[in-house]
Amino acid sequence: AAIISCPLPAAASICREWPSLQALSDGLRYSQAITVAIGTRIPPATPAAFIQVPAVESSDICLLSLSHNVASETTPPGHGLIKAYWEAGAAAGAMTLDDDVI
C-alpha cells in the first residue's frame, strides 16, 4: 500500500498501473483563485468570521474572511488579518497581472 500526496495529474503519471487515475485526471478541471491577505494594526470591531461582498460593491471580490476571528493563532494578539477572496472569473482574468497591480 502507498499514500500519494500530489496533484492528481502527477499521481496518474506515477501510478500508470491504475488507468482509472488517468481517466479521472483527464476529466478534472482546476479552477484558479486569488486571495489577498491584509494585516491590520488593530482588528476590525466585528465578531464576524466572513463578510459576503455584494456584487454592487465589487464585481471582483466576493468574500472577506476575518481570519483573526476564525483562528486567533493566525495573527499576533491585538492585530487583524483580513483575506479577500476573488470571484472565479475575475481571478482567472487577473492571473497574468503583477502582484502590485492586483
Protein backbone atom coordinates (compact mmCIF):
# COMPACT_ATOMS: atom_id res chain seq x y z
CA ALA A 1 0.00 0.00 0.00
CA ALA A 2 1.10 3.55 -0.66
CA ILE A 3 -0.20 7.00 0.10
CA ILE A 4 0.47 9.50 -2.66
CA SER A 5 0.07 13.17 -1.86
CA CYS A 6 0.45 15.21 -5.01
CA PRO A 7 -1.74 16.80 -7.67
CA LEU A 8 -3.87 14.25 -9.50
CA PRO A 9 -2.07 14.59 -12.87
CA ALA A 10 1.24 13.77 -11.15
CA ALA A 11 -0.31 10.80 -9.33
CA ALA A 12 -1.70 9.49 -12.62
CA SER A 13 1.74 9.63 -14.23
CA ILE A 14 3.37 7.93 -11.22
CA CYS A 15 0.76 5.17 -10.94
CA ARG A 16 0.37 4.16 -14.58
CA GLU A 17 -0.86 0.71 -13.49
CA TRP A 18 -4.11 2.38 -12.35
CA PRO A 19 -5.72 3.64 -15.58
CA SER A 20 -8.72 4.87 -13.59
CA LEU A 21 -6.49 7.61 -12.15
CA GLN A 22 -5.59 8.81 -15.64
CA ALA A 23 -9.25 8.80 -16.66
CA LEU A 24 -10.13 10.82 -13.57
CA SER A 25 -7.25 13.21 -14.21
CA ASP A 26 -8.28 13.69 -17.85
CA GLY A 27 -11.75 14.81 -16.73
CA LEU A 28 -10.56 17.11 -13.96
CA ARG A 29 -10.58 20.87 -14.49
CA TYR A 30 -8.79 23.01 -11.95
CA SER A 31 -10.07 26.43 -11.01
CA GLN A 32 -7.90 29.47 -10.42
CA ALA A 33 -8.18 31.64 -7.35
CA ILE A 34 -6.70 34.83 -5.96
CA THR A 35 -6.67 35.55 -2.26
CA VAL A 36 -5.19 38.80 -0.95
CA ALA A 37 -4.28 38.92 2.75
CA ILE A 38 -4.12 42.25 4.59
CA GLY A 39 -2.69 42.60 8.08
CA THR A 40 -4.08 45.36 10.30
CA ARG A 41 -2.70 47.06 13.40
CA ILE A 42 -6.00 46.57 15.19
CA PRO A 43 -8.72 44.04 14.42
CA PRO A 44 -11.94 45.36 12.91
CA ALA A 45 -14.66 45.84 15.52
CA THR A 46 -16.83 42.88 14.49
CA PRO A 47 -17.07 39.29 15.68
CA ALA A 48 -17.90 38.16 12.11
CA ALA A 49 -15.82 35.38 10.59
CA PHE A 50 -16.89 36.08 7.00
CA ILE A 51 -18.44 39.01 5.16
CA GLN A 52 -20.05 38.47 1.78
CA VAL A 53 -19.31 41.38 -0.53
CA PRO A 54 -22.33 42.41 -2.63
CA ALA A 55 -21.69 42.43 -6.39
CA VAL A 56 -22.80 46.06 -6.49
CA GLU A 57 -19.82 46.89 -4.22
CA SER A 58 -17.25 44.79 -6.09
CA SER A 59 -17.57 42.52 -9.07
CA ASP A 60 -14.10 41.09 -8.35
CA ILE A 61 -14.09 40.34 -4.61
CA CYS A 62 -16.84 38.04 -3.40
CA LEU A 63 -15.89 37.29 0.21
CA LEU A 64 -13.85 38.67 3.09
CA SER A 65 -12.56 36.37 5.79
CA LEU A 66 -11.64 37.90 9.12
CA SER A 67 -9.03 35.29 9.90
CA HIS A 68 -8.25 36.65 13.35
CA ASN A 69 -11.86 35.77 14.31
CA VAL A 70 -11.68 32.32 12.71
CA ALA A 71 -8.35 31.22 14.23
CA SER A 72 -6.75 33.67 16.64
CA GLU A 73 -3.35 31.99 16.29
CA THR A 74 -3.08 33.35 12.71
CA THR A 75 -2.28 36.86 13.95
CA PRO A 76 -0.31 38.46 16.76
CA PRO A 77 -2.51 39.43 19.74
CA GLY A 78 -4.37 42.70 19.14
CA HIS A 79 -3.93 42.64 15.35
CA GLY A 80 -6.23 41.67 12.48
CA LEU A 81 -5.92 39.60 9.33
CA ILE A 82 -8.42 40.12 6.51
CA LYS A 83 -8.40 37.88 3.44
CA ALA A 84 -10.15 38.98 0.27
CA TYR A 85 -11.29 36.12 -1.98
CA TRP A 86 -11.74 36.97 -5.65
CA GLU A 87 -14.66 35.75 -7.74
CA ALA A 88 -13.52 32.88 -10.03
CA GLY A 89 -13.95 34.78 -13.31
CA ALA A 90 -12.16 37.85 -12.01
CA ALA A 91 -9.34 35.68 -10.64
CA ALA A 92 -8.88 33.88 -13.95
CA GLY A 93 -8.70 37.21 -15.76
CA ALA A 94 -6.12 38.60 -13.33
CA MET A 95 -3.71 35.63 -13.23
CA THR A 96 -1.24 37.30 -15.57
CA LEU A 97 -1.15 40.60 -13.64
CA ASP A 98 1.74 41.56 -11.38
CA ASP A 99 1.06 41.46 -7.64
CA ASP A 100 1.47 45.23 -7.46
CA VAL A 101 -1.35 45.68 -9.97
CA ILE A 102 -3.71 43.35 -8.11
